Amino acid sequence: MSGGRRRDGRRSAGGGRLVLLFVLLVVAFCGMAGRLVTLQIVQAPAYATLAVDQRSRVVEFPARRGAIFDRNGNALAVSVDLDTVYADPGLVARPGRVARKLAPLLGEPVRVVLDAVTADSRFEYLARQVPPELAADIEALGLPGIYLEGEPKRFYPGGRLASQVLGFTNIDGVGMSGVELQYEDILRGRPGRMSLEQDPEGRALPQTESRYSEPEPGRSLFLTLDKEIQYYSERALARAVEGYGAAAGSAIVMTPDDGQIIAMANWPDFNPNSAGDFPPEAHRNRAVTDFYEPGSAFKAVTAAAAIDDGAVTPRTTFDVPDTFPYSDRVFHDSHPHATERMSVARIIEESSNVGTIKIGLELGGAKLDRYVRSFGFGSMSGLDFPAETAGAVLDRGDWSGSTVATVPIGQGIAVSPLQLASAYAALANGGVWIEPKLLFGTANDRGGVDGSPPPGRRRVVSRRTASKMAGILTRVTERGTGVAARIPGYSIAGKTGTAQKPVDGGYGGEYVASFAGYAPAADPEVVVLVVLDDPEPIWGGLTAAPTFADIAEFALRRLGVPPTRGAGGPARVVEDSDVDDPGFHD
């Protein structure tokens, strides 16, 4: 009996293990089934996409980039078709022979070409944008697996012309600086695409086809630049920089009633057809990206603000010594002189630092700050040019005791050439500041041109104030510091500037010379600014002013502006009592 009970117990234990094993198998199979459902149904789309991504390769071909023209339709940047040489290694027969034939033509070692034509891929570049004669030689070889594909290359027909404004593109046709970068979305178009399939090792998958879509060209741009005025401005600026031994220079020509920039020159410049051969600083559009203390050229802003506020008139007089202590500074005029009674008009005419400081003090710091910002200093111009500077204007709360004396004479404030040109354009435009613009319009699909949005504008001083300033600034060129800016047959309004460069909280031995002005003074058609970096002699009236005259005269004649009756003769001696004549009124 006892032996029977033991056998029943063993049968009972063995049955339990079988049940447990069965349960485990059922659980395992259920888990596997669940995982299969997840992989094959729930996650199937994601894995299918992953598989496609792993075996697909997409090669892009740049689209033909939109051209860039000046305001008269002259080409400044175009795209020309050149051939790019590539290989499909899977179709290359006798790669050693192919490499030996191609290497001398491509100027590459045989090993480099052999590595490319035996690579585990379906597409390998051999050479980009080759000259037509080289493309013809390669095509004549008739090598299996070696192909040529048309690819646009950017070309600048004017070479160095407007180089910093236009900028340049890289080998793939992507804008890297200037207008090319600023309007990349408009110019670039949609690239073409070639889709290939390969295994994870890069080997071509058999019985697969490549897919190719044609690129769509970009839209062309029309700039406000005038090619002839741009070229002349660049040559005149280069002559000035070299003739006066300056380190660099910028010049801007604008039309004051619409803010259009018809020339923007910089020196040194570069050739965008071979941009990599020039140092990066040569690529910089100094007229927009650089800032400096404007010095005496800023005094016109101070005078306009004080006259517009009613703090002074052109006839208001001040006792002007040659030195003036204020707060923690002692200010000096450019030359020693006895204390004189000087009118506002004469202070600007002779560019007296002490007199201008007294004008600024009469206006007061709060109002001066408001006018400075209204004229556009301390903020972006709206041009949206790459790397544009806002300059440097202290917040009102950060002014020191002497700031109210330094700002009126253009110290302790930094401006870009574009900002200063725009400020003078506001005076020339009857007191209305207009957003500067470079884009005239874009080509549309109908063969026409869609104009760019109208520029922003705001009144900064009254028309009456602007008229008074025209009279004061005309005196500067008739008998003041700007006589070298005179142009026979035209009345000129403008102001010289000679500013020391700040160094380590003080001022060093280098200077920035400038002249800003407009013509004809009574009915302005052009505004011209010239800035020279550390010329010799240092004075703006002796270096920048004659360069202004050279550029402005060409621009006036190019635009067909008739001479001003009676202008351009010998300078008339104007007494202080004469400053209340009609030239200072509407």
Protein backbone atom coordinates (compact mmCIF):
# COMPACT_ATOMS: atom_id res chain seq x y z
CA MET A 1 0.00 0.00 0.00
CA SER A 2 2.75 2.37 0.89
CA GLY A 3 4.50 1.74 -2.49
CA GLY A 4 1.28 2.60 -4.39
CA ARG A 5 0.94 5.89 -2.61
CA ARG A 6 4.52 6.86 -3.63
CA ARG A 7 3.81 6.18 -7.33
CA ASP A 8 0.63 8.31 -7.17
CA GLY A 9 2.68 11.15 -5.63
CA ARG A 10 5.27 10.97 -8.41
CA ARG A 11 2.51 11.01 -11.03
CA SER A 12 0.96 14.01 -9.28
CA ALA A 13 4.31 15.93 -9.22
CA GLY A 14 5.06 15.09 -12.86
CA GLY A 15 1.63 16.29 -13.93
CA GLY A 16 2.19 19.61 -12.14
CA ARG A 17 5.43 20.19 -13.96
CA LEU A 18 3.78 19.49 -17.30
CA VAL A 19 1.03 21.98 -16.51
CA LEU A 20 3.61 24.61 -15.50
CA LEU A 21 5.59 23.98 -18.68
CA PHE A 22 2.43 24.27 -20.75
CA VAL A 23 1.52 27.56 -19.08
CA LEU A 24 5.03 28.92 -19.71
CA LEU A 25 4.88 27.90 -23.36
CA VAL A 26 1.47 29.53 -23.76
CA VAL A 27 2.76 32.77 -22.16
CA ALA A 28 5.85 32.72 -24.39
CA PHE A 29 3.84 32.16 -27.55
CA CYS A 30 1.41 34.91 -26.55
CA GLY A 31 4.36 37.27 -26.01
CA MET A 32 5.81 36.38 -29.37
CA ALA A 33 2.46 36.80 -31.05
CA GLY A 34 1.99 40.16 -29.39
CA ARG A 35 5.46 41.30 -30.48
CA LEU A 36 4.77 40.18 -34.06
CA VAL A 37 1.50 42.13 -34.07
CA THR A 38 3.37 45.19 -32.79
CA LEU A 39 6.16 44.91 -35.36
CA GLN A 40 4.07 43.92 -38.38
CA ILE A 41 0.98 46.01 -37.78
CA VAL A 42 1.41 48.73 -35.18
CA GLN A 43 5.01 49.77 -35.95
CA ALA A 44 5.18 48.58 -39.55
CA PRO A 45 4.96 52.08 -41.15
CA ALA A 46 7.76 53.42 -38.96
CA TYR A 47 10.07 50.49 -39.77
CA ALA A 48 9.24 50.74 -43.46
CA THR A 49 10.20 54.41 -43.41
CA LEU A 50 13.43 53.58 -41.57
CA ALA A 51 14.29 50.94 -44.16
CA VAL A 52 13.74 53.40 -47.00
CA ASP A 53 15.87 56.01 -45.26
CA GLN A 54 18.70 53.53 -44.79
CA ARG A 55 18.81 52.48 -48.42
CA SER A 56 17.98 55.83 -50.05
CA ARG A 57 20.41 58.59 -50.99
CA VAL A 58 19.35 61.92 -52.38
CA VAL A 59 21.74 64.12 -54.35
CA GLU A 60 20.69 67.72 -54.94
CA PHE A 61 21.56 69.80 -58.00
CA PRO A 62 21.40 73.56 -57.45
CA ALA A 63 18.73 75.47 -59.32
CA ARG A 64 19.61 78.29 -61.65
CA ARG A 65 19.91 81.23 -59.32
CA GLY A 66 18.00 84.40 -60.05
CA ALA A 67 20.04 87.18 -61.63
CA ILE A 68 20.75 90.55 -60.00
CA PHE A 69 20.37 93.72 -62.06
CA ASP A 70 20.85 97.40 -61.40
CA ARG A 71 17.98 99.90 -61.66
CA ASN A 72 18.45 100.13 -65.46
CA GLY A 73 18.55 96.38 -66.13
CA ASN A 74 22.33 96.00 -66.32
CA ALA A 75 23.44 92.58 -65.11
CA LEU A 76 25.43 92.59 -61.87
CA ALA A 77 25.24 88.85 -61.06
CA VAL A 78 24.14 85.99 -63.33
CA SER A 79 24.31 82.20 -63.38
CA VAL A 80 26.04 80.45 -66.27
CA ASP A 81 25.73 76.75 -67.07
CA LEU A 82 28.86 74.68 -66.61
CA ASP A 83 29.19 70.90 -66.50
CA THR A 84 29.84 68.88 -63.37
CA VAL A 85 31.57 65.51 -63.88
CA TYR A 86 30.36 62.56 -61.79
CA ALA A 87 30.63 58.78 -61.78
CA ASP A 88 28.22 55.90 -61.20
CA PRO A 89 30.82 53.40 -59.93
CA GLY A 90 28.43 50.50 -60.43
CA LEU A 91 28.53 51.11 -64.18
CA VAL A 92 32.23 51.91 -64.56
CA ALA A 93 34.00 49.26 -66.66
CA ARG A 94 37.75 48.78 -66.28
CA PRO A 95 38.13 51.43 -63.53
CA GLY A 96 41.93 51.44 -63.74
CA ARG A 97 41.81 52.47 -67.39
CA VAL A 98 39.12 55.07 -66.67
CA ALA A 99 41.19 56.59 -63.84
CA ARG A 100 44.31 56.79 -66.03
CA LYS A 101 42.40 58.61 -68.78
CA LEU A 102 40.58 61.04 -66.49
CA ALA A 103 43.33 61.92 -64.03
CA PRO A 104 45.40 64.13 -66.41
CA LEU A 105 42.29 65.99 -67.56
CA LEU A 106 41.04 66.61 -64.02
CA GLY A 107 44.47 67.49 -62.66
CA GLU A 108 44.18 64.80 -59.97
CA PRO A 109 46.41 61.83 -59.06
CA VAL A 110 45.30 58.55 -60.61
CA ARG A 111 44.76 57.04 -57.13
CA VAL A 112 42.26 59.77 -56.19
CA VAL A 113 40.21 59.21 -59.35
CA LEU A 114 40.44 55.41 -58.95
CA ASP A 115 39.11 55.63 -55.40
CA ALA A 116 36.14 57.64 -56.65
CA VAL A 117 35.22 55.35 -59.57
CA THR A 118 35.47 52.21 -57.39
CA ALA A 119 33.54 53.59 -54.39
CA ASP A 120 30.59 51.62 -52.98
CA SER A 121 27.98 54.14 -54.12
CA ARG A 122 25.93 55.15 -57.10
CA PHE A 123 27.11 58.77 -57.26
CA GLU A 124 30.57 60.29 -56.82
CA TYR A 125 31.61 63.83 -57.80
CA LEU A 126 34.77 63.94 -59.91
CA ALA A 127 34.87 67.69 -60.67
CA ARG A 128 32.47 70.61 -60.17
CA GLN A 129 31.70 73.33 -62.70
CA VAL A 130 34.44 72.56 -65.22
CA PRO A 131 35.21 74.82 -68.24
CA PRO A 132 33.35 73.96 -71.47
CA GLU A 133 36.49 72.82 -73.29
CA LEU A 134 37.33 70.36 -70.50
CA ALA A 135 33.76 69.04 -70.46
CA ALA A 136 33.99 68.44 -74.22
CA ASP A 137 37.26 66.50 -73.83
CA ILE A 138 35.77 64.26 -71.13
CA GLU A 139 32.58 63.63 -73.09
CA ALA A 140 34.63 62.69 -76.16
CA LEU A 141 36.21 59.81 -74.21
CA GLY A 142 32.84 58.02 -74.04
CA LEU A 143 33.66 56.28 -70.76
CA PRO A 144 30.86 54.04 -69.36
CA GLY A 145 29.68 55.20 -65.94
CA ILE A 146 31.15 58.72 -66.35
CA TYR A 147 28.56 61.45 -66.85
CA LEU A 148 28.26 65.22 -67.15
CA GLU A 149 25.41 67.16 -65.60
CA GLY A 150 24.74 70.85 -66.20
CA GLU A 151 25.19 72.94 -63.04
CA PRO A 152 24.83 76.74 -62.73
CA LYS A 153 27.84 78.74 -61.56
CA ARG A 154 27.53 82.28 -60.24
CA PHE A 155 29.30 84.87 -62.34
CA TYR A 156 29.77 88.58 -61.69
CA PRO A 157 30.31 90.34 -65.03
CA GLY A 158 31.56 93.54 -63.40
CA GLY A 159 34.26 91.77 -61.41
CA ARG A 160 34.89 93.99 -58.39
CA LEU A 161 31.91 96.25 -59.13
CA ALA A 162 29.67 96.60 -56.05
CA SER A 163 31.37 93.53 -54.60
CA GLN A 164 30.55 94.16 -50.92
CA VAL A 165 26.96 95.03 -51.78
CA LEU A 166 26.38 91.99 -53.98
CA GLY A 167 28.36 89.53 -51.82
CA PHE A 168 29.10 86.08 -53.22
CA THR A 169 27.94 82.45 -53.21
CA ASN A 170 29.72 79.19 -52.45
CA ILE A 171 30.26 76.42 -54.98
CA ASP A 172 26.77 75.07 -54.30
CA GLY A 173 25.23 78.42 -55.18
CA VAL A 174 24.29 79.38 -51.63
CA GLY A 175 24.56 83.08 -50.73
CA MET A 176 27.35 83.75 -48.24
CA SER A 177 27.27 87.54 -47.87
CA GLY A 178 25.70 90.75 -49.12
CA VAL A 179 22.55 90.81 -51.24
CA GLU A 180 23.21 87.19 -52.21
CA LEU A 181 22.70 86.22 -48.56
CA GLN A 182 20.05 88.81 -47.73
CA TYR A 183 17.68 87.62 -50.48
CA GLU A 184 18.69 83.95 -50.53
CA ASP A 185 15.07 82.75 -50.31
CA ILE A 186 14.13 84.71 -53.45
CA LEU A 187 17.24 84.02 -55.52
CA ARG A 188 17.92 80.34 -54.85
CA GLY A 189 14.86 78.67 -56.45
CA ARG A 190 14.19 74.96 -55.80
CA PRO A 191 17.09 72.51 -56.34
CA GLY A 192 16.78 69.42 -58.51
CA ARG A 193 16.98 66.01 -56.82
CA MET A 194 18.36 62.61 -57.83
CA SER A 195 17.17 59.69 -55.62
CA LEU A 196 19.28 56.50 -55.47
CA GLU A 197 18.88 53.20 -53.53
CA GLN A 198 21.81 51.33 -51.96
CA ASP A 199 22.50 48.82 -49.21
CA PRO A 200 23.85 49.79 -45.77
CA GLU A 201 27.41 49.37 -47.12
CA GLY A 202 26.75 51.84 -49.93
CA ARG A 203 26.56 49.21 -52.68
CA ALA A 204 24.01 49.72 -55.43
CA LEU A 205 20.86 47.63 -55.10
CA PRO A 206 20.17 45.59 -58.27
CA GLN A 207 17.14 46.35 -60.42
CA THR A 208 16.54 49.77 -58.83
CA GLU A 209 16.03 52.97 -60.77
CA SER A 210 17.21 56.46 -59.95
CA ARG A 211 14.63 59.26 -59.94
CA TYR A 212 15.42 62.79 -61.08
CA SER A 213 13.45 66.02 -60.75
CA GLU A 214 14.36 69.19 -62.61
CA PRO A 215 15.42 72.24 -60.57
CA GLU A 216 13.19 75.33 -60.58
CA PRO A 217 15.01 78.63 -61.15
CA GLY A 218 14.96 81.44 -58.60
CA ARG A 219 13.56 84.92 -59.16
CA SER A 220 15.72 87.81 -60.31
CA LEU A 221 16.25 91.04 -58.38
CA PHE A 222 16.50 94.66 -59.49
CA LEU A 223 18.55 96.85 -57.15
CA THR A 224 18.38 100.62 -56.75
CA LEU A 225 22.06 100.89 -57.73
CA ASP A 226 23.06 102.74 -60.88
CA LYS A 227 25.93 100.82 -62.45
CA GLU A 228 27.65 103.91 -63.86
CA ILE A 229 27.43 105.94 -60.65
CA GLN A 230 28.52 102.90 -58.65
CA TYR A 231 31.57 102.39 -60.87
CA TYR A 232 32.55 106.04 -60.78
CA SER A 233 32.11 106.24 -57.00
CA GLU A 234 34.33 103.21 -56.51
CA ARG A 235 37.08 104.64 -58.72
CA ALA A 236 36.90 108.06 -57.04
CA LEU A 237 37.01 106.46 -53.60
CA ALA A 238 39.97 104.27 -54.59
CA ARG A 239 41.85 107.33 -55.87
CA ALA A 240 41.17 109.14 -52.58
CA VAL A 241 42.23 106.23 -50.36
CA GLU A 242 45.43 105.73 -52.31
CA GLY A 243 46.12 109.43 -52.85
CA TYR A 244 45.71 110.35 -49.17
CA GLY A 245 47.26 107.15 -47.82
CA ALA A 246 44.07 106.15 -46.00
CA ALA A 247 43.58 102.68 -44.56
CA ALA A 248 40.07 102.31 -46.02
CA GLY A 249 37.06 104.30 -47.16
CA SER A 250 33.35 104.28 -47.89
CA ALA A 251 31.06 106.39 -50.06
CA ILE A 252 27.27 106.44 -50.35
CA VAL A 253 25.06 108.15 -52.93
CA MET A 254 21.32 108.36 -52.17
CA THR A 255 18.24 110.01 -53.60
CA PRO A 256 16.69 111.84 -50.61
CA ASP A 257 13.01 111.78 -51.58
CA ASP A 258 12.73 107.97 -51.69
CA GLY A 259 15.77 106.67 -49.74
CA GLN A 260 17.12 104.75 -52.72
CA ILE A 261 20.83 103.95 -52.60
CA ILE A 262 22.22 104.51 -56.09
CA ALA A 263 25.84 103.82 -55.12
CA MET A 264 27.54 102.23 -52.13
CA ALA A 265 31.29 101.94 -52.48
CA ASN A 266 34.00 100.57 -50.21
CA TRP A 267 37.76 100.29 -50.44
CA PRO A 268 39.52 97.90 -50.28
CA ASP A 269 37.18 95.70 -52.29
CA PHE A 270 37.35 92.16 -53.73
CA ASN A 271 36.35 90.12 -56.76
CA PRO A 272 33.35 87.88 -55.94
CA ASN A 273 34.30 85.59 -58.84
CA SER A 274 37.26 84.49 -56.69
CA ALA A 275 36.19 85.58 -53.20
CA GLY A 276 38.41 83.02 -51.49
CA ASP A 277 41.52 84.76 -52.84
CA PHE A 278 40.81 87.83 -50.69
CA PRO A 279 40.99 88.30 -46.90
CA PRO A 280 37.64 88.22 -45.06
CA GLU A 281 37.85 91.91 -44.11
CA ALA A 282 37.72 92.79 -47.82
CA HIS A 283 34.28 91.15 -48.03
CA ARG A 284 32.84 93.53 -45.43
CA ASN A 285 30.42 96.26 -46.52
CA ARG A 286 31.97 98.93 -44.31
CA ALA A 287 29.30 101.46 -45.20
CA VAL A 288 26.76 99.34 -43.31
CA THR A 289 28.68 97.10 -40.90
CA ASP A 290 31.27 99.50 -39.44
CA PHE A 291 30.72 102.35 -37.01
CA TYR A 292 32.84 105.29 -35.91
CA GLU A 293 32.59 108.57 -34.01
CA PRO A 294 31.32 111.07 -36.60
CA GLY A 295 32.90 114.16 -35.08
CA SER A 296 32.00 117.51 -36.63
CA ALA A 297 29.76 116.03 -39.36
CA PHE A 298 27.32 115.38 -36.50
CA LYS A 299 27.07 119.08 -35.67
CA ALA A 300 24.39 119.53 -38.33
CA VAL A 301 22.16 117.17 -36.33
CA THR A 302 22.75 119.20 -33.16
CA ALA A 303 21.97 122.49 -34.88
CA ALA A 304 18.86 121.10 -36.60
CA ALA A 305 17.53 119.74 -33.31
CA ALA A 306 18.09 123.01 -31.43
CA ILE A 307 16.54 125.11 -34.20
CA ASP A 308 13.56 122.78 -34.56
CA ASP A 309 12.92 122.84 -30.80
CA GLY A 310 13.07 126.64 -30.77
CA ALA A 311 16.03 126.69 -28.40
CA VAL A 312 18.03 128.77 -30.93
CA THR A 313 17.71 130.37 -34.35
CA PRO A 314 20.46 130.73 -36.96
CA ARG A 315 20.94 134.31 -35.66
CA THR A 316 21.26 133.34 -31.96
CA THR A 317 24.71 134.31 -30.70
CA PHE A 318 27.03 132.90 -28.04
CA ASP A 319 30.29 134.01 -26.49
CA VAL A 320 32.72 131.40 -27.80
CA PRO A 321 36.18 131.06 -26.22
CA ASP A 322 38.73 128.61 -27.62
CA THR A 323 38.49 126.36 -24.52
CA PHE A 324 35.48 125.40 -22.43
CA PRO A 325 35.59 123.40 -19.18
CA TYR A 326 32.46 121.34 -18.55
CA SER A 327 31.96 118.65 -15.92
CA ASP A 328 35.12 116.53 -15.92
CA ARG A 329 36.35 117.63 -19.36
CA VAL A 330 37.98 120.62 -21.01
CA PHE A 331 36.94 121.10 -24.64
CA HIS A 332 38.99 122.91 -27.28
CA ASP A 333 38.35 124.44 -30.66
CA SER A 334 40.57 123.34 -33.52
CA HIS A 335 42.73 126.46 -33.23
CA PRO A 336 43.44 129.07 -30.53
CA HIS A 337 41.40 132.28 -30.75
CA ALA A 338 40.14 135.07 -28.55
CA THR A 339 36.61 134.87 -27.21
CA GLU A 340 34.25 135.80 -30.04
CA ARG A 341 30.56 136.53 -30.34
CA MET A 342 29.37 133.97 -32.88
CA SER A 343 25.99 133.18 -34.37
CA VAL A 344 24.69 129.61 -34.68
CA ALA A 345 25.22 129.81 -38.45
CA ARG A 346 28.82 130.90 -38.05
CA ILE A 347 29.49 128.25 -35.38
CA ILE A 348 28.51 125.51 -37.84
CA GLU A 349 30.27 127.25 -40.72
CA GLU A 350 33.56 127.33 -38.83
CA SER A 351 32.89 124.04 -37.04
CA SER A 352 33.48 125.42 -33.55
CA ASN A 353 33.41 122.67 -30.90
CA VAL A 354 32.84 125.12 -28.06
CA GLY A 355 30.05 126.92 -29.89
CA THR A 356 28.30 123.66 -30.81
CA ILE A 357 28.50 122.45 -27.20
CA LYS A 358 26.76 125.66 -26.11
CA ILE A 359 24.04 125.04 -28.70
CA GLY A 360 23.59 121.52 -27.31
CA LEU A 361 23.43 122.77 -23.73
CA GLU A 362 20.75 125.26 -24.76
CA LEU A 363 18.70 122.33 -26.11
CA GLY A 364 19.29 120.07 -23.08
CA GLY A 365 20.17 116.39 -22.72
CA ALA A 366 16.67 114.89 -22.80
CA LYS A 367 15.65 116.66 -26.00
CA LEU A 368 19.02 116.04 -27.62
CA ASP A 369 18.68 112.32 -26.95
CA ARG A 370 15.19 112.29 -28.45
CA TYR A 371 16.31 114.01 -31.67
CA VAL A 372 19.39 111.80 -31.99
CA ARG A 373 17.21 108.69 -31.93
CA SER A 374 14.59 110.22 -34.19
CA PHE A 375 17.29 110.81 -36.83
CA GLY A 376 17.92 107.03 -36.75
CA PHE A 377 21.07 106.77 -34.66
CA GLY A 378 21.30 103.85 -32.25
CA SER A 379 18.93 101.60 -34.22
CA MET A 380 18.90 99.54 -37.40
CA SER A 381 18.16 101.47 -40.57
CA GLY A 382 15.60 99.02 -41.94
CA LEU A 383 17.86 98.02 -44.81
CA ASP A 384 18.24 94.56 -43.21
CA PHE A 385 21.66 94.12 -44.76
CA PRO A 386 23.63 91.19 -43.27
CA ALA A 387 25.76 92.20 -40.27
CA GLU A 388 24.37 95.75 -40.26
CA THR A 389 25.32 97.71 -37.16
CA ALA A 390 23.02 99.83 -35.03
CA GLY A 391 25.94 101.99 -33.97
CA ALA A 392 26.27 102.97 -30.32
CA VAL A 393 24.14 105.53 -28.51
CA LEU A 394 24.17 105.60 -24.71
CA ASP A 395 20.86 105.11 -22.93
CA ARG A 396 19.77 108.38 -21.39
CA GLY A 397 20.17 106.94 -17.90
CA ASP A 398 23.81 106.07 -18.61
CA TRP A 399 24.89 109.58 -19.55
CA SER A 400 27.77 110.97 -17.49
CA GLY A 401 28.14 114.61 -16.58
CA SER A 402 30.01 115.43 -19.79
CA THR A 403 27.86 113.41 -22.22
CA VAL A 404 25.58 116.37 -22.92
CA ALA A 405 28.70 118.19 -24.13
CA THR A 406 30.35 115.36 -26.09
CA VAL A 407 27.33 114.17 -28.10
CA PRO A 408 26.66 117.55 -29.80
CA ILE A 409 30.16 117.47 -31.35
CA GLY A 410 29.94 113.82 -32.41
CA GLN A 411 31.96 112.27 -29.59
CA GLY A 412 30.75 109.51 -27.29
CA ILE A 413 28.40 108.33 -30.03
CA ALA A 414 29.14 105.89 -32.85
CA VAL A 415 27.33 105.79 -36.19
CA SER A 416 27.54 103.85 -39.42
CA PRO A 417 28.13 105.69 -42.71
CA LEU A 418 24.63 104.61 -43.79
CA GLN A 419 23.07 106.16 -40.68
CA LEU A 420 24.82 109.48 -41.21
CA ALA A 421 23.93 109.55 -44.92
CA SER A 422 20.29 108.86 -44.01
CA ALA A 423 20.32 111.71 -41.48
CA TYR A 424 21.54 114.17 -44.11
CA ALA A 425 18.98 112.74 -46.52
CA ALA A 426 16.29 113.66 -43.96
CA LEU A 427 17.51 117.28 -43.95
CA ALA A 428 17.58 117.25 -47.75
CA ASN A 429 14.06 115.79 -47.83
CA GLY A 430 12.45 118.65 -45.97
CA GLY A 431 12.94 117.10 -42.54
CA VAL A 432 11.45 113.65 -43.30
CA TRP A 433 13.65 110.62 -42.58
CA ILE A 434 13.12 107.76 -45.04
CA GLU A 435 14.18 104.17 -44.61
CA PRO A 436 17.11 103.51 -46.97
CA LYS A 437 16.56 100.81 -49.56
CA LEU A 438 18.60 98.73 -51.99
CA LEU A 439 15.86 96.53 -53.48
CA PHE A 440 13.99 98.14 -56.36
CA GLY A 441 11.86 95.07 -57.13
CA THR A 442 11.70 91.38 -58.07
CA ALA A 443 10.98 89.79 -61.43
CA ASN A 444 7.60 88.06 -61.68
CA ASP A 445 6.29 85.21 -63.84
CA ARG A 446 4.61 87.65 -66.24
CA GLY A 447 7.88 89.17 -67.38
CA GLY A 448 7.41 92.28 -65.27
CA VAL A 449 8.80 93.61 -62.02
CA ASP A 450 7.01 93.68 -58.68
CA GLY A 451 8.14 96.76 -56.79
CA SER A 452 9.53 96.40 -53.28
CA PRO A 453 7.39 97.61 -50.35
CA PRO A 454 7.46 101.38 -49.80
CA PRO A 455 10.03 102.49 -47.24
CA GLY A 456 9.07 103.63 -43.77
CA ARG A 457 9.23 107.35 -43.11
CA ARG A 458 8.87 109.80 -40.25
CA ARG A 459 9.25 113.51 -39.76
CA VAL A 460 12.23 114.41 -37.59
CA VAL A 461 12.33 118.20 -38.02
CA SER A 462 9.98 120.69 -39.66
CA ARG A 463 10.31 121.76 -43.28
CA ARG A 464 11.14 125.24 -42.01
CA THR A 465 14.03 123.85 -39.94
CA ALA A 466 15.31 121.84 -42.90
CA SER A 467 15.25 124.99 -45.03
CA LYS A 468 17.22 126.92 -42.41
CA MET A 469 19.76 124.11 -42.23
CA ALA A 470 20.17 124.19 -46.02
CA GLY A 471 21.15 127.84 -45.70
CA ILE A 472 23.60 127.17 -42.86
CA LEU A 473 25.20 124.18 -44.60
CA THR A 474 25.51 126.13 -47.85
CA ARG A 475 27.61 128.68 -45.94
CA VAL A 476 29.94 125.82 -44.95
CA THR A 477 30.80 125.21 -48.61
CA GLU A 478 30.74 128.86 -49.66
CA ARG A 479 33.28 130.13 -47.15
CA GLY A 480 33.60 127.67 -44.29
CA THR A 481 35.45 124.41 -43.75
CA GLY A 482 33.88 122.74 -46.80
CA VAL A 483 34.91 124.99 -49.69
CA ALA A 484 36.67 122.05 -51.35
CA ALA A 485 33.28 120.38 -51.79
CA ARG A 486 32.05 123.05 -54.19
CA ILE A 487 30.97 122.01 -57.70
CA PRO A 488 30.90 124.59 -60.52
CA GLY A 489 27.31 125.36 -61.43
CA TYR A 490 25.69 123.78 -58.36
CA SER A 491 24.89 124.97 -54.84
CA ILE A 492 26.13 122.53 -52.22
CA ALA A 493 24.98 122.08 -48.62
CA GLY A 494 27.23 119.97 -46.43
CA LYS A 495 29.46 119.58 -43.43
CA THR A 496 33.01 118.41 -42.81
CA GLY A 497 34.03 115.95 -40.13
CA THR A 498 37.41 115.18 -38.56
CA ALA A 499 37.18 112.81 -35.60
CA GLN A 500 39.87 111.18 -33.52
CA LYS A 501 39.52 107.45 -33.06
CA PRO A 502 38.85 106.44 -29.45
CA VAL A 503 41.51 104.21 -27.90
CA ASP A 504 41.28 102.65 -24.41
CA GLY A 505 38.91 105.26 -23.02
CA GLY A 506 40.79 108.16 -24.59
CA TYR A 507 41.78 109.30 -28.07
CA GLY A 508 44.79 108.23 -30.09
CA GLY A 509 46.63 109.58 -33.08
CA GLU A 510 44.37 108.21 -35.84
CA TYR A 511 41.46 110.08 -37.41
CA VAL A 512 38.36 109.53 -39.49
CA ALA A 513 37.73 112.25 -42.08
CA SER A 514 34.32 112.72 -43.63
CA PHE A 515 32.07 114.99 -45.64
CA ALA A 516 28.29 114.68 -45.89
CA GLY A 517 26.18 116.87 -48.09
CA TYR A 518 23.52 117.25 -50.75
CA ALA A 519 22.95 119.10 -54.02
CA PRO A 520 21.45 121.27 -55.33
CA ALA A 521 21.04 122.84 -51.90
CA ALA A 522 17.64 124.43 -52.60
CA ASP A 523 16.11 121.40 -54.32
CA PRO A 524 18.24 118.33 -53.46
CA GLU A 525 18.49 115.46 -55.92
CA VAL A 526 21.44 113.55 -54.42
CA VAL A 527 22.97 113.01 -51.00
CA VAL A 528 26.63 111.95 -50.89
CA LEU A 529 28.72 110.85 -47.93
CA VAL A 530 32.45 110.13 -48.06
CA VAL A 531 34.33 108.59 -45.11
CA LEU A 532 38.11 108.07 -45.14
CA ASP A 533 39.89 106.05 -42.47
CA ASP A 534 43.03 107.84 -41.25
CA PRO A 535 44.00 109.88 -44.32
CA GLU A 536 46.88 112.35 -44.56
CA PRO A 537 46.16 115.20 -44.11
CA ILE A 538 43.61 114.28 -41.48
CA TRP A 539 41.10 117.05 -42.20
CA GLY A 540 37.78 116.13 -43.79
CA GLY A 541 37.72 119.48 -45.56
CA LEU A 542 40.96 118.66 -47.37
CA THR A 543 40.40 114.97 -48.16
CA ALA A 544 36.76 113.85 -47.96
CA ALA A 545 35.32 117.14 -49.27
CA PRO A 546 37.07 117.09 -52.68
CA THR A 547 36.19 113.39 -53.01
CA PHE A 548 32.55 114.33 -52.33
CA ALA A 549 32.72 116.94 -55.09
CA ASP A 550 34.17 114.40 -57.54
CA ILE A 551 31.42 111.83 -56.89
CA ALA A 552 28.53 114.29 -56.55
CA GLU A 553 29.36 116.09 -59.79
CA PHE A 554 29.32 112.85 -61.76
CA ALA A 555 26.06 111.75 -60.12
CA LEU A 556 24.34 115.07 -60.84
CA ARG A 557 25.33 114.98 -64.49
CA ARG A 558 24.46 111.29 -64.83
CA LEU A 559 20.98 111.98 -63.40
CA GLY A 560 20.53 114.97 -65.68
CA VAL A 561 20.20 117.53 -62.88
CA PRO A 562 20.54 121.03 -64.38
CA PRO A 563 23.04 123.47 -62.85
CA THR A 564 21.86 125.94 -60.22
CA ARG A 565 21.52 129.47 -61.56
CA GLY A 566 24.27 131.70 -60.22
CA ALA A 567 25.91 128.89 -58.22
CA GLY A 568 29.53 127.91 -58.27
CA GLY A 569 31.04 131.40 -58.56
CA PRO A 570 33.41 133.03 -56.11
CA ALA A 571 32.40 132.67 -52.47
CA ARG A 572 30.28 135.56 -51.24
CA VAL A 573 31.25 137.11 -47.90
CA VAL A 574 28.17 136.61 -45.74
CA GLU A 575 27.80 138.66 -42.59
CA ASP A 576 26.09 137.27 -39.50
CA SER A 577 23.21 139.68 -40.07
CA ASP A 578 22.52 138.03 -43.42
CA VAL A 579 21.61 134.63 -41.98
CA ASP A 580 17.95 135.57 -41.70
CA ASP A 581 17.54 135.72 -45.48
CA PRO A 582 15.03 133.56 -47.45
CA GLY A 583 17.52 130.69 -47.53
CA PHE A 584 16.58 129.93 -43.94
CA HIS A 585 12.82 129.84 -44.51
CA ASP A 586 10.29 127.81 -46.43
